[in-house]
Amino acid sequence: MTNLIAYDYLRLILEEEFLTAYLRFINHGILHYELTNIQEICAPLLTGLEEDDRFLRYEVIGTIANYLEEE
């Protein structure tokens, strides 16, 4: 997955699964910053995988949930 596709994929998951956090990031003007952090954490998961893999989606959701808990 390219960086741009990964960023958009993570943004979509964040918006769909974590709407409150997504809206908070937008309102505070830090969405890009937070997505960049999430992308770094998820990089090993996203290497060479296809975005329609449902198990990848579950892994990414779990990783984002852990990231948001640490905030």
Protein backbone atom coordinates (compact mmCIF):
# COMPACT_ATOMS: atom_id res chain seq x y z
CA MET A 1 0.00 0.00 0.00
CA THR A 2 1.46 3.37 -0.91
CA ASN A 3 1.73 6.08 1.74
CA LEU A 4 -1.07 8.13 0.20
CA ILE A 5 -3.42 5.17 -0.03
CA ALA A 6 -2.51 4.13 3.52
CA TYR A 7 -3.22 7.65 4.82
CA ASP A 8 -6.64 7.72 3.14
CA TYR A 9 -7.39 4.18 4.34
CA LEU A 10 -6.54 5.10 7.94
CA ARG A 11 -8.55 8.32 7.69
CA LEU A 12 -11.59 6.35 6.51
CA ILE A 13 -11.29 3.83 9.34
CA LEU A 14 -10.81 6.59 11.90
CA GLU A 15 -13.91 8.38 10.59
CA GLU A 16 -16.06 5.24 10.43
CA GLU A 17 -15.01 3.53 13.65
CA PHE A 18 -13.88 6.40 15.90
CA LEU A 19 -16.08 9.31 14.85
CA THR A 20 -15.81 11.17 18.16
CA ALA A 21 -12.00 11.17 18.03
CA TYR A 22 -12.06 12.00 14.33
CA LEU A 23 -14.26 15.05 14.90
CA ARG A 24 -12.19 16.13 17.90
CA PHE A 25 -9.03 15.99 15.79
CA ILE A 26 -10.69 18.08 13.07
CA ASN A 27 -12.00 20.65 15.56
CA HIS A 28 -8.56 21.02 17.14
CA GLY A 29 -6.83 21.20 13.76
CA ILE A 30 -4.66 18.16 14.46
CA LEU A 31 -6.18 15.54 12.16
CA HIS A 32 -3.17 15.43 9.84
CA TYR A 33 -0.75 15.21 12.78
CA GLU A 34 -2.69 12.39 14.45
CA LEU A 35 -3.15 10.47 11.19
CA THR A 36 0.58 10.72 10.54
CA ASN A 37 1.25 9.26 14.00
CA ILE A 38 -1.26 6.47 13.41
CA GLN A 39 0.27 5.77 10.01
CA GLU A 40 3.71 5.34 11.58
CA ILE A 41 2.34 2.91 14.16
CA CYS A 42 0.38 0.95 11.52
CA ALA A 43 3.20 0.91 8.94
CA PRO A 44 4.23 -2.73 9.62
CA LEU A 45 0.61 -3.84 9.16
CA LEU A 46 0.14 -1.93 5.91
CA THR A 47 3.26 -3.09 4.07
CA GLY A 48 2.29 -5.10 1.02
CA LEU A 49 -1.29 -5.73 2.06
CA GLU A 50 -4.51 -4.94 0.26
CA GLU A 51 -7.00 -2.54 1.77
CA ASP A 52 -9.96 -4.91 1.23
CA ASP A 53 -8.46 -7.49 3.64
CA ARG A 54 -10.93 -7.59 6.54
CA PHE A 55 -8.32 -8.97 8.94
CA LEU A 56 -6.11 -5.99 8.15
CA ARG A 57 -9.03 -3.74 9.00
CA TYR A 58 -9.48 -5.47 12.38
CA GLU A 59 -5.78 -5.12 13.15
CA VAL A 60 -5.83 -1.45 12.21
CA ILE A 61 -8.94 -0.83 14.33
CA GLY A 62 -7.23 -2.46 17.31
CA THR A 63 -4.07 -0.46 16.77
CA ILE A 64 -5.99 2.82 16.53
CA ALA A 65 -7.98 1.94 19.66
CA ASN A 66 -4.73 1.36 21.56
CA TYR A 67 -3.32 4.64 20.23
CA LEU A 68 -6.40 6.57 21.33
CA GLU A 69 -6.31 5.00 24.81
CA GLU A 70 -2.74 6.21 25.27
CA GLU A 71 -3.66 9.84 24.49
